[in-house]
Amino acid sequence: MDSYTAPLTPEEQSHNKQSVTAMVLGIVSLVVTWFPIIGLVLAIVGLTMSRSNRRFAEAHGFKENSMNTAGYVTSIVGLVLGILTILVTILVIAFGFVTLAGVWHYADLPRIFY
């Protein structure tokens, strides 16, 4: 006994395609998080796409797609990691400038470190 499922409407097909795109953008933003600007842009695009897709599903009465939820979550995680990567990069660069400028000396370290 085979179960029959009705073919998807064009709106449902569009919803599924956008869900896959949001999920892929979220995953790629996690992978390229060490390139902060690229990862941040991909995370923002994936987040806006998944939020837009969620609103589209609510407006048309579709069931929430698990791929869209995965895209939403991975985009948020990619966004947070991208912001943290940028902050760490700024701190490392600032620390390097301070060290090279001679403002901070190794002699100022407490005796416990050497």
Protein backbone atom coordinates (compact mmCIF):
# COMPACT_ATOMS: atom_id res chain seq x y z
CA MET A 1 0.00 0.00 0.00
CA ASP A 2 1.68 3.16 -1.22
CA SER A 3 0.99 6.46 0.40
CA TYR A 4 0.30 9.34 -1.92
CA THR A 5 1.37 12.88 -1.21
CA ALA A 6 -0.01 15.77 -3.16
CA PRO A 7 2.49 17.69 -5.28
CA LEU A 8 3.75 20.93 -3.82
CA THR A 9 2.25 24.19 -4.94
CA PRO A 10 4.60 26.81 -6.43
CA GLU A 11 4.44 28.77 -3.16
CA GLU A 12 5.49 25.69 -1.17
CA GLN A 13 8.30 24.98 -3.63
CA SER A 14 9.53 28.57 -3.27
CA HIS A 15 9.32 28.22 0.52
CA ASN A 16 11.41 25.04 0.42
CA LYS A 17 14.04 26.52 -1.89
CA GLN A 18 14.43 29.61 0.27
CA SER A 19 14.68 27.40 3.36
CA VAL A 20 17.51 25.43 1.81
CA THR A 21 19.25 28.68 0.80
CA ALA A 22 18.94 30.11 4.31
CA MET A 23 20.31 26.88 5.80
CA VAL A 24 23.26 26.79 3.40
CA LEU A 25 24.07 30.45 4.08
CA GLY A 26 24.00 29.80 7.83
CA ILE A 27 26.27 26.77 7.56
CA VAL A 28 28.72 28.55 5.25
CA SER A 29 28.80 31.53 7.62
CA LEU A 30 29.93 29.12 10.35
CA VAL A 31 32.60 27.61 8.13
CA VAL A 32 34.06 30.95 7.03
CA THR A 33 33.80 32.63 10.42
CA TRP A 34 37.58 33.09 10.42
CA PHE A 35 37.10 35.55 7.58
CA PRO A 36 35.02 37.91 9.70
CA ILE A 37 33.51 40.20 7.11
CA ILE A 38 32.49 37.40 4.74
CA GLY A 39 31.05 35.26 7.54
CA LEU A 40 29.21 38.21 9.03
CA VAL A 41 27.64 39.18 5.70
CA LEU A 42 26.57 35.59 4.99
CA ALA A 43 25.10 35.26 8.48
CA ILE A 44 23.12 38.49 8.10
CA VAL A 45 21.79 37.46 4.68
CA GLY A 46 20.89 33.97 5.97
CA LEU A 47 19.18 35.42 9.03
CA THR A 48 17.10 37.91 7.05
CA MET A 49 16.20 35.24 4.50
CA SER A 50 15.07 32.75 7.15
CA ARG A 51 13.07 35.41 9.03
CA SER A 52 11.41 36.50 5.78
CA ASN A 53 10.70 32.88 4.94
CA ARG A 54 9.20 32.31 8.40
CA ARG A 55 6.84 35.26 7.93
CA PHE A 56 5.92 34.00 4.45
CA ALA A 57 5.03 30.58 5.89
CA GLU A 58 2.88 32.12 8.61
CA ALA A 59 1.06 34.34 6.12
CA HIS A 60 0.27 31.43 3.79
CA GLY A 61 -0.53 28.89 6.50
CA PHE A 62 2.42 26.58 5.80
CA LYS A 63 4.01 24.39 8.42
CA GLU A 64 7.40 25.66 9.62
CA ASN A 65 10.20 24.02 7.68
CA SER A 66 12.98 22.38 9.73
CA MET A 67 15.57 23.55 7.20
CA ASN A 68 14.43 27.11 7.76
CA THR A 69 14.80 26.66 11.52
CA ALA A 70 18.28 25.24 11.00
CA GLY A 71 19.15 28.23 8.81
CA TYR A 72 17.85 30.61 11.46
CA VAL A 73 19.86 28.97 14.25
CA THR A 74 23.09 28.60 12.27
CA SER A 75 22.82 32.19 11.05
CA ILE A 76 22.46 33.48 14.61
CA VAL A 77 25.43 31.39 15.75
CA GLY A 78 27.44 32.58 12.71
CA LEU A 79 26.50 36.19 13.48
CA VAL A 80 27.63 35.89 17.11
CA LEU A 81 30.86 34.14 16.12
CA GLY A 82 31.51 36.73 13.42
CA ILE A 83 31.10 39.58 15.89
CA LEU A 84 33.34 37.81 18.42
CA THR A 85 35.97 37.19 15.75
CA ILE A 86 35.96 40.87 14.80
CA LEU A 87 36.25 41.92 18.46
CA VAL A 88 39.14 39.51 19.08
CA THR A 89 40.88 40.74 15.94
CA ILE A 90 40.52 44.36 17.06
CA LEU A 91 41.87 43.50 20.52
CA VAL A 92 44.86 41.63 19.09
CA ILE A 93 45.68 44.49 16.72
CA ALA A 94 45.28 47.08 19.50
CA PHE A 95 47.48 45.02 21.82
CA GLY A 96 50.10 44.78 19.08
CA PHE A 97 50.08 48.55 18.54
CA VAL A 98 50.38 49.22 22.24
CA THR A 99 53.24 46.76 22.53
CA LEU A 100 55.08 48.16 19.51
CA ALA A 101 54.57 51.72 20.68
CA GLY A 102 56.51 50.99 23.84
CA VAL A 103 53.69 51.96 26.16
CA TRP A 104 53.66 48.53 27.73
CA HIS A 105 56.92 46.90 28.84
CA TYR A 106 57.75 43.38 29.81
CA ALA A 107 59.29 44.73 33.00
CA ASP A 108 55.81 45.79 34.12
CA LEU A 109 54.66 42.17 34.33
CA PRO A 110 54.25 40.75 37.81
CA ARG A 111 57.07 38.46 38.97
CA ILE A 112 54.80 35.44 38.71
CA PHE A 113 55.15 35.36 34.90
CA TYR A 114 58.96 35.21 34.79
